[in-house]
């Protein structure tokens, strides 16, 4: 079976084969290392002049990549751990995302910044965070997250083809996950629809009328599917699942359509609960629909611990999602 890592690697190979303007740069991305999580494996062997290993300076990596994009190249910059996107914030927020407006649409910045996010591997406070919420709502910057239902290769290829900068969030636990197919295995009891466009949103509707909408992205889809199954088997509560590929800018029409049917929303994310993606979804949904009931599931407002027992308490779980679904009527 094909994994998320396989598809991301395939997208990079295909993009570099089809367009000589595509460059890949980052720390330890040359073979045989092929990146800390092996997403760039094989690229430096096949494209030795267009795969650039860099010093340990995330700001320099993205700064150089922004300049390359301004000069007509298509750089894909890898940040080894997502925690270090704090070091590229100035380059993304104040420069790459703004140049199109600053120069009256005369330039574009086709830049992709790829990075693994998330915990559950015991890496501790500075290598386990989900910091994507810090970049949501930045004008001119898209934030994208692959999942196991869509094709990560198509998603990454679309990001590389995008004329504007993209922050591409890859959860560490997704790399070894196999892709799902509508109508097969765990999805056989759902009708799966998706929006058109480069970064689709998926709507999973159960065979019976749903009483609840579960909104998620990335790896959290794996937890949400298990929670939805538990809610069906143990409590006879059917849920619709709205799975986002694009986190920002928002396109919430599929979510609103689901909420018109269910009237109840549970958002699920791995970032800390305060001021997060789920809070914004909840606010916009309440503004749109009267009488809506909402619960949010996210990490506690604490640094992520090394010890598994503590990490499990801090990060959201399947049971947390189930509990949120059961408590929404209280």
C-alpha atoms as a PDB file:
ATOM      1  CA  UNK A   1       0.000   0.000   0.000  1.00  0.00           C
ATOM      2  CA  UNK A   2       1.069   3.556  -0.686  1.00  0.00           C
ATOM      3  CA  UNK A   3       1.950   5.786   2.260  1.00  0.00           C
ATOM      4  CA  UNK A   4       1.738   9.544   2.685  1.00  0.00           C
ATOM      5  CA  UNK A   5       5.552   9.707   2.639  1.00  0.00           C
ATOM      6  CA  UNK A   6       5.665   7.786  -0.665  1.00  0.00           C
ATOM      7  CA  UNK A   7       3.249  10.219  -2.276  1.00  0.00           C
ATOM      8  CA  UNK A   8       5.037  13.328  -1.039  1.00  0.00           C
ATOM      9  CA  UNK A   9       8.337  11.971  -2.321  1.00  0.00           C
ATOM     10  CA  UNK A  10       6.710  11.111  -5.638  1.00  0.00           C
ATOM     11  CA  UNK A  11       5.345  14.655  -5.967  1.00  0.00           C
ATOM     12  CA  UNK A  12       8.792  16.144  -5.461  1.00  0.00           C
ATOM     13  CA  UNK A  13      10.347  13.824  -8.038  1.00  0.00           C
ATOM     14  CA  UNK A  14       7.581  14.493 -10.551  1.00  0.00           C
ATOM     15  CA  UNK A  15       7.713  18.253 -10.055  1.00  0.00           C
ATOM     16  CA  UNK A  16      11.490  18.379 -10.497  1.00  0.00           C
ATOM     17  CA  UNK A  17      11.270  16.197 -13.594  1.00  0.00           C
ATOM     18  CA  UNK A  18       8.572  18.313 -15.202  1.00  0.00           C
ATOM     19  CA  UNK A  19       9.964  21.779 -14.414  1.00  0.00           C
ATOM     20  CA  UNK A  20      13.654  22.626 -14.204  1.00  0.00           C
ATOM     21  CA  UNK A  21      12.828  25.743 -12.195  1.00  0.00           C
ATOM     22  CA  UNK A  22      11.943  23.611  -9.154  1.00  0.00           C
ATOM     23  CA  UNK A  23      14.684  23.527  -6.517  1.00  0.00           C
ATOM     24  CA  UNK A  24      14.673  21.814  -3.125  1.00  0.00           C
ATOM     25  CA  UNK A  25      16.709  23.159  -0.222  1.00  0.00           C
ATOM     26  CA  UNK A  26      17.093  22.382   3.461  1.00  0.00           C
ATOM     27  CA  UNK A  27      19.199  20.731   6.148  1.00  0.00           C
ATOM     28  CA  UNK A  28      20.490  17.162   5.658  1.00  0.00           C
ATOM     29  CA  UNK A  29      18.327  16.564   2.587  1.00  0.00           C
ATOM     30  CA  UNK A  30      21.075  15.010   0.448  1.00  0.00           C
ATOM     31  CA  UNK A  31      21.260  11.245  -0.036  1.00  0.00           C
ATOM     32  CA  UNK A  32      21.723   8.944   1.734  1.00  0.00           C
ATOM     33  CA  UNK A  33      20.040  10.932   4.530  1.00  0.00           C
ATOM     34  CA  UNK A  34      17.237  12.247   2.338  1.00  0.00           C
ATOM     35  CA  UNK A  35      15.893  14.500   5.070  1.00  0.00           C
ATOM     36  CA  UNK A  36      15.144  13.757   8.713  1.00  0.00           C
ATOM     37  CA  UNK A  37      11.934  11.945   7.710  1.00  0.00           C
ATOM     38  CA  UNK A  38      13.146  10.752   4.244  1.00  0.00           C
ATOM     39  CA  UNK A  39      10.702  12.836   2.215  1.00  0.00           C
ATOM     40  CA  UNK A  40      13.526  14.093  -0.058  1.00  0.00           C
ATOM     41  CA  UNK A  41      15.166  10.690  -0.561  1.00  0.00           C
ATOM     42  CA  UNK A  42      16.562  10.123  -4.032  1.00  0.00           C
ATOM     43  CA  UNK A  43      16.274  13.732  -5.134  1.00  0.00           C
ATOM     44  CA  UNK A  44      19.924  14.745  -4.777  1.00  0.00           C
ATOM     45  CA  UNK A  45      21.042  11.637  -6.654  1.00  0.00           C
ATOM     46  CA  UNK A  46      18.720  12.374  -9.555  1.00  0.00           C
ATOM     47  CA  UNK A  47      18.943  16.193  -9.523  1.00  0.00           C
ATOM     48  CA  UNK A  48      22.348  16.961  -7.960  1.00  0.00           C
ATOM     49  CA  UNK A  49      22.472  20.608  -9.058  1.00  0.00           C
ATOM     50  CA  UNK A  50      18.952  21.472  -7.868  1.00  0.00           C
ATOM     51  CA  UNK A  51      18.951  19.952  -4.380  1.00  0.00           C
ATOM     52  CA  UNK A  52      20.810  22.292  -2.037  1.00  0.00           C
ATOM     53  CA  UNK A  53      21.945  21.344   1.454  1.00  0.00           C
ATOM     54  CA  UNK A  54      22.049  24.361   3.750  1.00  0.00           C
ATOM     55  CA  UNK A  55      23.587  25.556   7.012  1.00  0.00           C
ATOM     56  CA  UNK A  56      21.491  25.259  10.172  1.00  0.00           C
ATOM     57  CA  UNK A  57      19.699  28.570   9.715  1.00  0.00           C
ATOM     58  CA  UNK A  58      15.981  28.395   9.005  1.00  0.00           C
ATOM     59  CA  UNK A  59      15.746  32.144   8.434  1.00  0.00           C
ATOM     60  CA  UNK A  60      18.507  31.923   5.832  1.00  0.00           C
ATOM     61  CA  UNK A  61      16.843  28.960   4.115  1.00  0.00           C
ATOM     62  CA  UNK A  62      13.505  30.710   3.652  1.00  0.00           C
ATOM     63  CA  UNK A  63      15.132  34.077   2.956  1.00  0.00           C
ATOM     64  CA  UNK A  64      17.192  32.563   0.157  1.00  0.00           C
ATOM     65  CA  UNK A  65      14.164  30.657  -1.130  1.00  0.00           C
ATOM     66  CA  UNK A  66      12.133  33.880  -1.252  1.00  0.00           C
ATOM     67  CA  UNK A  67      14.848  35.510  -3.336  1.00  0.00           C
ATOM     68  CA  UNK A  68      14.949  32.509  -5.662  1.00  0.00           C
ATOM     69  CA  UNK A  69      11.184  32.745  -6.123  1.00  0.00           C
ATOM     70  CA  UNK A  70      11.422  36.455  -6.947  1.00  0.00           C
ATOM     71  CA  UNK A  71      13.979  35.620  -9.654  1.00  0.00           C
ATOM     72  CA  UNK A  72      11.702  33.118 -11.391  1.00  0.00           C
ATOM     73  CA  UNK A  73      12.617  29.841  -9.700  1.00  0.00           C
ATOM     74  CA  UNK A  74      10.234  27.593  -7.731  1.00  0.00           C
ATOM     75  CA  UNK A  75      11.898  26.723  -4.417  1.00  0.00           C
ATOM     76  CA  UNK A  76      10.647  24.069  -2.010  1.00  0.00           C
ATOM     77  CA  UNK A  77      12.233  24.716   1.385  1.00  0.00           C
ATOM     78  CA  UNK A  78      12.216  22.025   4.060  1.00  0.00           C
ATOM     79  CA  UNK A  79      12.246  23.027   7.726  1.00  0.00           C
ATOM     80  CA  UNK A  80      13.419  19.931   9.595  1.00  0.00           C
ATOM     81  CA  UNK A  81      10.971  20.327  12.513  1.00  0.00           C
ATOM     82  CA  UNK A  82       7.850  22.474  12.482  1.00  0.00           C
ATOM     83  CA  UNK A  83       8.761  23.997  15.831  1.00  0.00           C
ATOM     84  CA  UNK A  84      11.396  26.025  13.975  1.00  0.00           C
ATOM     85  CA  UNK A  85       8.874  27.903  11.824  1.00  0.00           C
ATOM     86  CA  UNK A  86       9.132  30.558  14.508  1.00  0.00           C
ATOM     87  CA  UNK A  87      12.550  31.319  12.991  1.00  0.00           C
ATOM     88  CA  UNK A  88      11.074  31.902   9.519  1.00  0.00           C
ATOM     89  CA  UNK A  89       8.088  33.971  10.641  1.00  0.00           C
ATOM     90  CA  UNK A  90       9.642  37.257   9.543  1.00  0.00           C
ATOM     91  CA  UNK A  91      10.494  35.913   6.097  1.00  0.00           C
ATOM     92  CA  UNK A  92       6.996  34.497   5.575  1.00  0.00           C
ATOM     93  CA  UNK A  93       4.804  37.062   7.321  1.00  0.00           C
ATOM     94  CA  UNK A  94       6.610  40.301   6.493  1.00  0.00           C
ATOM     95  CA  UNK A  95       8.241  39.478   3.172  1.00  0.00           C
ATOM     96  CA  UNK A  96       7.187  36.525   0.984  1.00  0.00           C
ATOM     97  CA  UNK A  97       3.471  36.966   1.636  1.00  0.00           C
ATOM     98  CA  UNK A  98       3.610  40.731   1.093  1.00  0.00           C
ATOM     99  CA  UNK A  99       5.781  41.208  -2.020  1.00  0.00           C
ATOM    100  CA  UNK A 100       2.905  40.758  -4.476  1.00  0.00           C
ATOM    101  CA  UNK A 101       1.052  43.682  -2.892  1.00  0.00           C
ATOM    102  CA  UNK A 102       4.119  45.809  -2.201  1.00  0.00           C
ATOM    103  CA  UNK A 103       5.127  45.703  -5.861  1.00  0.00           C
ATOM    104  CA  UNK A 104       1.671  46.234  -7.368  1.00  0.00           C
ATOM    105  CA  UNK A 105       1.236  42.650  -8.597  1.00  0.00           C
ATOM    106  CA  UNK A 106       4.376  42.860 -10.745  1.00  0.00           C
ATOM    107  CA  UNK A 107       6.021  39.975  -8.878  1.00  0.00           C
ATOM    108  CA  UNK A 108       4.848  36.647  -7.484  1.00  0.00           C
ATOM    109  CA  UNK A 109       6.495  34.425  -4.883  1.00  0.00           C
ATOM    110  CA  UNK A 110       5.923  30.725  -5.782  1.00  0.00           C
ATOM    111  CA  UNK A 111       7.500  29.444  -2.575  1.00  0.00           C
ATOM    112  CA  UNK A 112       6.645  26.262  -0.666  1.00  0.00           C
ATOM    113  CA  UNK A 113       7.817  25.773   2.911  1.00  0.00           C
ATOM    114  CA  UNK A 114       7.365  22.131   3.941  1.00  0.00           C
ATOM    115  CA  UNK A 115       7.666  21.065   7.553  1.00  0.00           C
ATOM    116  CA  UNK A 116       6.670  18.179   9.860  1.00  0.00           C
ATOM    117  CA  UNK A 117       4.495  19.155  12.814  1.00  0.00           C
ATOM    118  CA  UNK A 118       2.980  17.376  15.768  1.00  0.00           C
ATOM    119  CA  UNK A 119       3.788  15.145  18.707  1.00  0.00           C
ATOM    120  CA  UNK A 120       3.099  11.586  19.880  1.00  0.00           C
ATOM    121  CA  UNK A 121       6.718  10.506  19.359  1.00  0.00           C
ATOM    122  CA  UNK A 122       8.175  11.596  22.689  1.00  0.00           C
ATOM    123  CA  UNK A 123      10.310  14.353  21.199  1.00  0.00           C
ATOM    124  CA  UNK A 124       9.515  16.830  23.957  1.00  0.00           C
ATOM    125  CA  UNK A 125       8.544  20.503  24.238  1.00  0.00           C
ATOM    126  CA  UNK A 126      10.553  21.945  21.314  1.00  0.00           C
ATOM    127  CA  UNK A 127      10.121  19.161  18.745  1.00  0.00           C
ATOM    128  CA  UNK A 128       6.476  18.125  19.202  1.00  0.00           C
ATOM    129  CA  UNK A 129       4.375  21.250  18.755  1.00  0.00           C
ATOM    130  CA  UNK A 130       1.664  22.086  16.232  1.00  0.00           C
ATOM    131  CA  UNK A 131       2.304  25.759  15.562  1.00  0.00           C
ATOM    132  CA  UNK A 132       0.390  26.226  12.324  1.00  0.00           C
ATOM    133  CA  UNK A 133      -2.198  28.394  14.069  1.00  0.00           C
ATOM    134  CA  UNK A 134       0.438  31.127  14.336  1.00  0.00           C
ATOM    135  CA  UNK A 135       0.311  31.531  10.542  1.00  0.00           C
ATOM    136  CA  UNK A 136      -3.430  31.319   9.950  1.00  0.00           C
ATOM    137  CA  UNK A 137      -4.964  34.526   8.693  1.00  0.00           C
ATOM    138  CA  UNK A 138      -1.720  35.964   7.266  1.00  0.00           C
ATOM    139  CA  UNK A 139      -2.779  37.779   4.057  1.00  0.00           C
ATOM    140  CA  UNK A 140      -1.080  36.301   1.021  1.00  0.00           C
ATOM    141  CA  UNK A 141      -0.047  33.039   2.693  1.00  0.00           C
ATOM    142  CA  UNK A 142      -1.832  29.708   2.263  1.00  0.00           C
ATOM    143  CA  UNK A 143      -1.579  27.025   4.956  1.00  0.00           C
ATOM    144  CA  UNK A 144      -2.134  23.479   3.670  1.00  0.00           C
ATOM    145  CA  UNK A 145      -2.176  20.101   5.451  1.00  0.00           C
ATOM    146  CA  UNK A 146      -2.303  16.673   3.739  1.00  0.00           C
ATOM    147  CA  UNK A 147      -4.338  13.748   5.023  1.00  0.00           C
ATOM    148  CA  UNK A 148      -4.880  10.071   4.214  1.00  0.00           C
ATOM    149  CA  UNK A 149      -8.109  10.556   2.255  1.00  0.00           C
ATOM    150  CA  UNK A 150      -6.876  12.960  -0.393  1.00  0.00           C
ATOM    151  CA  UNK A 151      -3.737  12.312  -2.443  1.00  0.00           C
ATOM    152  CA  UNK A 152      -0.789  14.109  -0.762  1.00  0.00           C
ATOM    153  CA  UNK A 153       1.049  14.059  -4.097  1.00  0.00           C
ATOM    154  CA  UNK A 154      -1.674  16.100  -5.761  1.00  0.00           C
ATOM    155  CA  UNK A 155      -1.772  18.485  -2.813  1.00  0.00           C
ATOM    156  CA  UNK A 156       1.996  19.085  -2.810  1.00  0.00           C
ATOM    157  CA  UNK A 157       2.094  19.392  -6.594  1.00  0.00           C
ATOM    158  CA  UNK A 158      -0.644  22.027  -6.381  1.00  0.00           C
ATOM    159  CA  UNK A 159       1.353  23.909  -3.757  1.00  0.00           C
ATOM    160  CA  UNK A 160       4.440  23.840  -5.980  1.00  0.00           C
ATOM    161  CA  UNK A 161       2.360  25.137  -8.891  1.00  0.00           C
ATOM    162  CA  UNK A 162       0.838  27.907  -6.768  1.00  0.00           C
ATOM    163  CA  UNK A 163       2.062  31.380  -7.631  1.00  0.00           C
ATOM    164  CA  UNK A 164       1.843  32.509  -4.007  1.00  0.00           C
ATOM    165  CA  UNK A 165       3.682  31.239  -0.900  1.00  0.00           C
ATOM    166  CA  UNK A 166       2.405  28.093   0.794  1.00  0.00           C
ATOM    167  CA  UNK A 167       3.169  26.705   4.249  1.00  0.00           C
ATOM    168  CA  UNK A 168       2.753  22.937   3.884  1.00  0.00           C
ATOM    169  CA  UNK A 169       2.149  21.156   7.205  1.00  0.00           C
ATOM    170  CA  UNK A 170       2.954  17.425   7.398  1.00  0.00           C
ATOM    171  CA  UNK A 171       2.146  15.635  10.653  1.00  0.00           C
ATOM    172  CA  UNK A 172       4.965  13.258  11.607  1.00  0.00           C
ATOM    173  CA  UNK A 173       2.645  10.305  12.251  1.00  0.00           C
ATOM    174  CA  UNK A 174       1.099  10.615   8.799  1.00  0.00           C
ATOM    175  CA  UNK A 175       4.291   9.706   6.962  1.00  0.00           C
ATOM    176  CA  UNK A 176       3.870   5.954   7.472  1.00  0.00           C
ATOM    177  CA  UNK A 177       0.075   5.967   7.197  1.00  0.00           C
ATOM    178  CA  UNK A 178      -1.501   4.288   4.197  1.00  0.00           C
ATOM    179  CA  UNK A 179      -3.906   6.174   1.968  1.00  0.00           C
ATOM    180  CA  UNK A 180      -7.633   5.514   2.241  1.00  0.00           C
ATOM    181  CA  UNK A 181     -10.112   5.077  -0.566  1.00  0.00           C
ATOM    182  CA  UNK A 182     -13.777   6.034  -0.527  1.00  0.00           C
ATOM    183  CA  UNK A 183     -15.989   2.958  -0.422  1.00  0.00           C
ATOM    184  CA  UNK A 184     -13.239   0.779   1.020  1.00  0.00           C
ATOM    185  CA  UNK A 185     -12.542  -0.539   4.544  1.00  0.00           C
ATOM    186  CA  UNK A 186     -13.166   2.126   7.193  1.00  0.00           C
ATOM    187  CA  UNK A 187     -14.955   4.434   4.737  1.00  0.00           C
ATOM    188  CA  UNK A 188     -17.473   1.926   3.425  1.00  0.00           C
ATOM    189  CA  UNK A 189     -20.256   3.413   5.556  1.00  0.00           C
ATOM    190  CA  UNK A 190     -19.731   6.956   4.301  1.00  0.00           C
ATOM    191  CA  UNK A 191     -20.617   8.878   1.193  1.00  0.00           C
ATOM    192  CA  UNK A 192     -17.519  10.931   0.443  1.00  0.00           C
ATOM    193  CA  UNK A 193     -17.767  14.222  -1.436  1.00  0.00           C
ATOM    194  CA  UNK A 194     -15.064  16.780  -2.058  1.00  0.00           C
ATOM    195  CA  UNK A 195     -14.933  20.327  -3.282  1.00  0.00           C
ATOM    196  CA  UNK A 196     -13.288  21.259  -6.549  1.00  0.00           C
ATOM    197  CA  UNK A 197      -9.994  23.100  -6.691  1.00  0.00           C
ATOM    198  CA  UNK A 198      -6.392  22.464  -5.780  1.00  0.00           C
ATOM    199  CA  UNK A 199      -6.915  22.105  -2.022  1.00  0.00           C
ATOM    200  CA  UNK A 200     -10.191  20.210  -1.531  1.00  0.00           C
ATOM    201  CA  UNK A 201     -12.384  19.886   1.530  1.00  0.00           C
ATOM    202  CA  UNK A 202     -13.934  16.448   2.070  1.00  0.00           C
ATOM    203  CA  UNK A 203     -17.395  15.785   3.471  1.00  0.00           C
ATOM    204  CA  UNK A 204     -18.059  12.294   4.829  1.00  0.00           C
ATOM    205  CA  UNK A 205     -21.762  11.597   5.334  1.00  0.00           C
ATOM    206  CA  UNK A 206     -22.876   8.420   7.128  1.00  0.00           C
ATOM    207  CA  UNK A 207     -25.581   6.081   5.897  1.00  0.00           C
ATOM    208  CA  UNK A 208     -28.018   7.351   8.536  1.00  0.00           C
ATOM    209  CA  UNK A 209     -28.932  10.946   9.471  1.00  0.00           C
ATOM    210  CA  UNK A 210     -26.123  12.577  11.423  1.00  0.00           C
ATOM    211  CA  UNK A 211     -26.607  14.354  14.738  1.00  0.00           C
ATOM    212  CA  UNK A 212     -23.127  15.847  14.907  1.00  0.00           C
ATOM    213  CA  UNK A 213     -20.440  17.444  12.713  1.00  0.00           C
ATOM    214  CA  UNK A 214     -16.767  16.713  13.386  1.00  0.00           C
ATOM    215  CA  UNK A 215     -14.320  19.165  11.750  1.00  0.00           C
ATOM    216  CA  UNK A 216     -10.624  18.315  11.472  1.00  0.00           C
ATOM    217  CA  UNK A 217      -7.498  18.305   9.321  1.00  0.00           C
ATOM    218  CA  UNK A 218      -4.294  16.298   8.873  1.00  0.00           C
ATOM    219  CA  UNK A 219      -3.541  13.512  11.332  1.00  0.00           C
ATOM    220  CA  UNK A 220      -6.550  14.379  13.476  1.00  0.00           C
ATOM    221  CA  UNK A 221      -8.697  12.732  10.817  1.00  0.00           C
ATOM    222  CA  UNK A 222      -7.317   9.395  12.048  1.00  0.00           C
ATOM    223  CA  UNK A 223      -8.554  10.114  15.576  1.00  0.00           C
ATOM    224  CA  UNK A 224     -11.872  11.504  14.376  1.00  0.00           C
ATOM    225  CA  UNK A 225     -12.673   8.382  12.352  1.00  0.00           C
ATOM    226  CA  UNK A 226     -12.126   6.202  15.421  1.00  0.00           C
ATOM    227  CA  UNK A 227     -14.202   8.534  17.576  1.00  0.00           C
ATOM    228  CA  UNK A 228     -17.016   8.557  15.022  1.00  0.00           C
ATOM    229  CA  UNK A 229     -17.022   4.759  15.016  1.00  0.00           C
ATOM    230  CA  UNK A 230     -17.177   4.674  18.827  1.00  0.00           C
ATOM    231  CA  UNK A 231     -20.062   7.147  18.840  1.00  0.00           C
ATOM    232  CA  UNK A 232     -21.964   4.896  16.432  1.00  0.00           C
ATOM    233  CA  UNK A 233     -21.222   1.549  18.067  1.00  0.00           C
ATOM    234  CA  UNK A 234     -21.542   2.580  21.718  1.00  0.00           C
ATOM    235  CA  UNK A 235     -24.008   5.464  21.603  1.00  0.00           C
ATOM    236  CA  UNK A 236     -25.858   5.219  18.253  1.00  0.00           C
ATOM    237  CA  UNK A 237     -24.791   8.760  17.350  1.00  0.00           C
ATOM    238  CA  UNK A 238     -23.911   9.233  13.699  1.00  0.00           C
ATOM    239  CA  UNK A 239     -21.512  12.023  12.717  1.00  0.00           C
ATOM    240  CA  UNK A 240     -20.587  13.855   9.558  1.00  0.00           C
ATOM    241  CA  UNK A 241     -16.871  14.521   9.145  1.00  0.00           C
ATOM    242  CA  UNK A 242     -15.564  17.649   7.451  1.00  0.00           C
ATOM    243  CA  UNK A 243     -11.907  17.183   6.539  1.00  0.00           C
ATOM    244  CA  UNK A 244      -9.994  20.298   5.479  1.00  0.00           C
ATOM    245  CA  UNK A 245      -6.882  20.386   3.293  1.00  0.00           C
ATOM    246  CA  UNK A 246      -6.646  24.189   3.291  1.00  0.00           C
ATOM    247  CA  UNK A 247      -6.543  25.749   6.736  1.00  0.00           C
ATOM    248  CA  UNK A 248      -6.153  29.337   5.584  1.00  0.00           C
ATOM    249  CA  UNK A 249      -7.623  31.286   3.878  1.00  0.00           C
ATOM    250  CA  UNK A 250     -10.926  29.811   5.029  1.00  0.00           C
ATOM    251  CA  UNK A 251     -13.562  28.305   2.779  1.00  0.00           C
ATOM    252  CA  UNK A 252     -16.203  27.109   5.215  1.00  0.00           C
ATOM    253  CA  UNK A 253     -19.148  26.459   2.906  1.00  0.00           C
ATOM    254  CA  UNK A 254     -18.953  22.630   3.283  1.00  0.00           C
ATOM    255  CA  UNK A 255     -18.867  23.046   7.054  1.00  0.00           C
ATOM    256  CA  UNK A 256     -21.851  25.393   7.075  1.00  0.00           C
ATOM    257  CA  UNK A 257     -23.814  22.994   4.861  1.00  0.00           C
ATOM    258  CA  UNK A 258     -23.133  20.157   7.298  1.00  0.00           C
ATOM    259  CA  UNK A 259     -24.052  22.267  10.309  1.00  0.00           C
ATOM    260  CA  UNK A 260     -27.365  23.183   8.701  1.00  0.00           C
ATOM    261  CA  UNK A 261     -28.121  19.466   8.838  1.00  0.00           C
ATOM    262  CA  UNK A 262     -26.745  18.668  12.314  1.00  0.00           C
ATOM    263  CA  UNK A 263     -26.703  21.904  14.347  1.00  0.00           C
ATOM    264  CA  UNK A 264     -23.773  20.642  16.447  1.00  0.00           C
ATOM    265  CA  UNK A 265     -20.039  21.136  15.916  1.00  0.00           C
ATOM    266  CA  UNK A 266     -16.948  19.547  17.421  1.00  0.00           C
ATOM    267  CA  UNK A 267     -13.614  20.891  16.151  1.00  0.00           C
ATOM    268  CA  UNK A 268     -10.471  18.791  16.523  1.00  0.00           C
ATOM    269  CA  UNK A 269      -6.855  19.979  16.285  1.00  0.00           C
ATOM    270  CA  UNK A 270      -3.514  19.149  17.906  1.00  0.00           C
ATOM    271  CA  UNK A 271      -2.440  22.720  18.547  1.00  0.00           C
ATOM    272  CA  UNK A 272      -3.168  24.236  21.950  1.00  0.00           C
ATOM    273  CA  UNK A 273      -6.807  25.059  22.546  1.00  0.00           C
ATOM    274  CA  UNK A 274      -6.538  28.804  23.163  1.00  0.00           C
ATOM    275  CA  UNK A 275      -6.916  31.088  20.128  1.00  0.00           C
ATOM    276  CA  UNK A 276      -6.687  28.217  17.661  1.00  0.00           C
ATOM    277  CA  UNK A 277      -8.090  26.980  14.355  1.00  0.00           C
ATOM    278  CA  UNK A 278     -11.088  25.435  16.089  1.00  0.00           C
ATOM    279  CA  UNK A 279     -11.888  28.665  17.906  1.00  0.00           C
ATOM    280  CA  UNK A 280     -12.035  30.533  14.595  1.00  0.00           C
ATOM    281  CA  UNK A 281     -14.223  27.837  13.000  1.00  0.00           C
ATOM    282  CA  UNK A 282     -16.539  27.977  16.003  1.00  0.00           C
ATOM    283  CA  UNK A 283     -16.765  31.780  15.904  1.00  0.00           C
ATOM    284  CA  UNK A 284     -17.532  31.925  12.210  1.00  0.00           C
ATOM    285  CA  UNK A 285     -20.056  29.093  12.469  1.00  0.00           C
ATOM    286  CA  UNK A 286     -21.902  30.764  15.352  1.00  0.00           C
ATOM    287  CA  UNK A 287     -21.971  34.016  13.382  1.00  0.00           C
ATOM    288  CA  UNK A 288     -23.467  32.162  10.423  1.00  0.00           C
ATOM    289  CA  UNK A 289     -25.959  29.855  12.125  1.00  0.00           C
ATOM    290  CA  UNK A 290     -28.184  30.610  15.104  1.00  0.00           C
ATOM    291  CA  UNK A 291     -28.715  28.041  17.846  1.00  0.00           C
ATOM    292  CA  UNK A 292     -25.488  26.187  17.077  1.00  0.00           C
ATOM    293  CA  UNK A 293     -23.883  24.069  19.808  1.00  0.00           C
ATOM    294  CA  UNK A 294     -20.091  23.826  19.838  1.00  0.00           C
ATOM    295  CA  UNK A 295     -17.301  21.925  21.556  1.00  0.00           C
ATOM    296  CA  UNK A 296     -13.562  22.219  20.861  1.00  0.00           C
ATOM    297  CA  UNK A 297     -10.991  19.441  21.235  1.00  0.00           C
ATOM    298  CA  UNK A 298      -7.306  20.401  21.221  1.00  0.00           C
ATOM    299  CA  UNK A 299      -4.085  20.128  23.197  1.00  0.00           C
ATOM    300  CA  UNK A 300      -3.927  21.536  26.689  1.00  0.00           C
ATOM    301  CA  UNK A 301      -2.218  24.908  27.092  1.00  0.00           C
ATOM    302  CA  UNK A 302       1.013  23.236  28.190  1.00  0.00           C
ATOM    303  CA  UNK A 303       4.378  22.392  26.631  1.00  0.00           C
ATOM    304  CA  UNK A 304       4.344  18.890  25.146  1.00  0.00           C
ATOM    305  CA  UNK A 305       6.030  16.452  27.543  1.00  0.00           C
ATOM    306  CA  UNK A 306       8.609  13.778  26.672  1.00  0.00           C
ATOM    307  CA  UNK A 307       7.054  11.084  28.849  1.00  0.00           C
ATOM    308  CA  UNK A 308       4.364   9.211  26.934  1.00  0.00           C
ATOM    309  CA  UNK A 309       1.934   9.162  29.852  1.00  0.00           C
ATOM    310  CA  UNK A 310       2.100  12.957  30.120  1.00  0.00           C
ATOM    311  CA  UNK A 311       2.156  13.520  26.355  1.00  0.00           C
ATOM    312  CA  UNK A 312      -1.022  11.461  26.051  1.00  0.00           C
ATOM    313  CA  UNK A 313      -2.729  13.629  28.664  1.00  0.00           C
ATOM    314  CA  UNK A 314      -1.694  16.858  26.962  1.00  0.00           C
ATOM    315  CA  UNK A 315      -2.566  15.971  23.368  1.00  0.00           C
ATOM    316  CA  UNK A 316      -6.155  15.290  22.243  1.00  0.00           C
ATOM    317  CA  UNK A 317      -7.341  11.685  22.202  1.00  0.00           C
ATOM    318  CA  UNK A 318     -10.116   9.642  20.633  1.00  0.00           C
ATOM    319  CA  UNK A 319     -11.883   9.586  24.001  1.00  0.00           C
ATOM    320  CA  UNK A 320     -11.668  13.374  24.226  1.00  0.00           C
ATOM    321  CA  UNK A 321     -13.524  13.611  20.909  1.00  0.00           C
ATOM    322  CA  UNK A 322     -16.135  11.085  22.033  1.00  0.00           C
ATOM    323  CA  UNK A 323     -16.639  12.953  25.302  1.00  0.00           C
ATOM    324  CA  UNK A 324     -17.053  16.242  23.441  1.00  0.00           C
ATOM    325  CA  UNK A 325     -19.688  14.694  21.204  1.00  0.00           C
ATOM    326  CA  UNK A 326     -21.575  13.280  24.171  1.00  0.00           C
ATOM    327  CA  UNK A 327     -21.422  16.479  26.235  1.00  0.00           C
ATOM    328  CA  UNK A 328     -22.544  18.862  23.509  1.00  0.00           C
ATOM    329  CA  UNK A 329     -26.193  18.664  24.608  1.00  0.00           C
ATOM    330  CA  UNK A 330     -25.386  19.505  28.232  1.00  0.00           C
END
